[in-house]
Every structure is written in structure tokens, then in C-alpha cells.
Amino acid sequence: MAGNVFINTAVGALPILGDVFSVFFKSNAKNYELLKQHAGKPRSSTFQDWLFVIGLFVALLVCLSLMVMGLVMAADYFRQGTAR
């Protein structure tokens, strides 16, 4: 499911081509079908499942950290630009 969202987001970031891709790829519909297939089936989580979830969480924290760093750097750049 995360892979479907990642692919849709990565290709969807491209102007025009991404919109056309999103019309045909339909990541949400694919994820809904995956959910219907696997929902209700009893299964215990494995070490790999937890490792994947932790990896997603770390990736989210890295992305958020990079965004904050970018905002701080941009604010510093504009602050220095007005002081000249």
C-alpha cells in the first residue's frame, strides 16, 4: 500500500504527466482492493512488519527534518538579504 502511494506521489509530482498517470494508476483503488483482500484474516505481525513500519516512521521524520531545515535556511537567506 505504501508503495502504491509512493509511486503515485513521485510520478504525480511531474506537471501534466503526473496528472495523466494518476488518472490511470488509481493508487487509492488499488489500496482499497488490497485492504479488502487481507482484512479479517487473522495474522500475527512479524519482525519484518515492524521493521517496515519503523522504516516508514524514520523516513517521515527525515522528510520533516529536511523541510524544517529548508524553511530555516530560506528564512535565514531572506533575513540576510533584507539586511544588505
Protein backbone atom coordinates (compact mmCIF):
# COMPACT_ATOMS: atom_id res chain seq x y z
CA MET A 1 0.00 0.00 0.00
CA ALA A 2 2.80 2.39 0.87
CA GLY A 3 4.47 1.55 -2.43
CA ASN A 4 1.33 2.47 -4.37
CA VAL A 5 1.11 5.82 -2.60
CA PHE A 6 4.84 6.47 -3.09
CA ILE A 7 4.67 5.72 -6.83
CA ASN A 8 1.60 7.92 -7.25
CA THR A 9 3.22 10.74 -5.29
CA ALA A 10 6.58 10.53 -7.06
CA VAL A 11 5.15 10.44 -10.58
CA GLY A 12 2.29 12.76 -9.63
CA ALA A 13 4.82 15.47 -8.81
CA LEU A 14 5.60 15.83 -12.50
CA PRO A 15 3.48 18.50 -14.19
CA ILE A 16 0.83 17.20 -16.62
CA LEU A 17 2.40 13.73 -16.92
CA GLY A 18 1.74 13.13 -13.23
CA ASP A 19 -1.93 14.05 -13.60
CA VAL A 20 -2.36 11.70 -16.54
CA PHE A 21 -0.57 8.93 -14.64
CA SER A 22 -2.80 9.43 -11.57
CA VAL A 23 -5.93 9.03 -13.70
CA PHE A 24 -4.83 5.58 -14.83
CA PHE A 25 -2.83 4.31 -11.82
CA LYS A 26 -5.52 4.87 -9.15
CA SER A 27 -3.42 4.08 -6.07
CA ASN A 28 -6.36 4.53 -3.68
CA ALA A 29 -8.48 1.99 -5.58
CA LYS A 30 -5.57 -0.48 -5.57
CA ASN A 31 -5.05 0.03 -1.85
CA TYR A 32 -8.76 -0.49 -1.18
CA GLU A 33 -8.65 -3.80 -3.06
CA LEU A 34 -5.58 -4.88 -1.09
CA LEU A 35 -7.34 -3.97 2.13
CA LYS A 36 -10.44 -5.97 1.17
CA GLN A 37 -8.29 -9.00 0.33
CA HIS A 38 -6.41 -9.02 3.61
CA ALA A 39 -8.90 -7.59 6.11
CA GLY A 40 -10.38 -10.07 8.53
CA LYS A 41 -7.68 -12.67 8.05
CA PRO A 42 -6.07 -13.45 11.39
CA ARG A 43 -2.34 -13.00 11.18
CA SER A 44 0.24 -12.06 13.75
CA SER A 45 2.73 -9.37 12.90
CA THR A 46 6.29 -10.40 12.15
CA PHE A 47 9.62 -8.74 12.78
CA GLN A 48 9.70 -7.64 9.11
CA ASP A 49 6.30 -5.96 9.52
CA TRP A 50 7.56 -3.92 12.46
CA LEU A 51 10.81 -3.15 10.67
CA PHE A 52 8.84 -1.79 7.72
CA VAL A 53 6.66 0.39 9.96
CA ILE A 54 9.72 1.72 11.80
CA GLY A 55 11.39 2.42 8.44
CA LEU A 56 8.36 4.40 7.28
CA PHE A 57 8.37 6.37 10.52
CA VAL A 58 12.09 7.14 10.18
CA ALA A 59 11.56 8.22 6.56
CA LEU A 60 8.74 10.52 7.69
CA LEU A 61 10.98 12.06 10.38
CA VAL A 62 13.79 12.57 7.84
CA CYS A 63 11.40 14.30 5.41
CA LEU A 64 10.01 16.53 8.15
CA SER A 65 13.53 17.38 9.34
CA LEU A 66 14.61 18.30 5.81
CA MET A 67 11.56 20.51 5.38
CA VAL A 68 12.25 22.33 8.66
CA MET A 69 15.92 22.76 7.72
CA GLY A 70 14.87 24.16 4.35
CA LEU A 71 12.49 26.62 5.97
CA VAL A 72 15.15 27.75 8.45
CA MET A 73 17.71 28.16 5.66
CA ALA A 74 15.23 30.09 3.50
CA ALA A 75 14.28 32.35 6.40
CA ASP A 76 17.95 32.99 7.10
CA TYR A 77 18.63 33.73 3.43
CA PHE A 78 15.78 36.23 3.19
CA ARG A 79 16.70 37.80 6.54
CA GLN A 80 20.27 38.33 5.33
CA GLY A 81 19.01 39.65 2.00
CA THR A 82 16.97 42.40 3.65
CA ALA A 83 19.87 43.41 5.93
CA ARG A 84 22.10 44.32 2.99
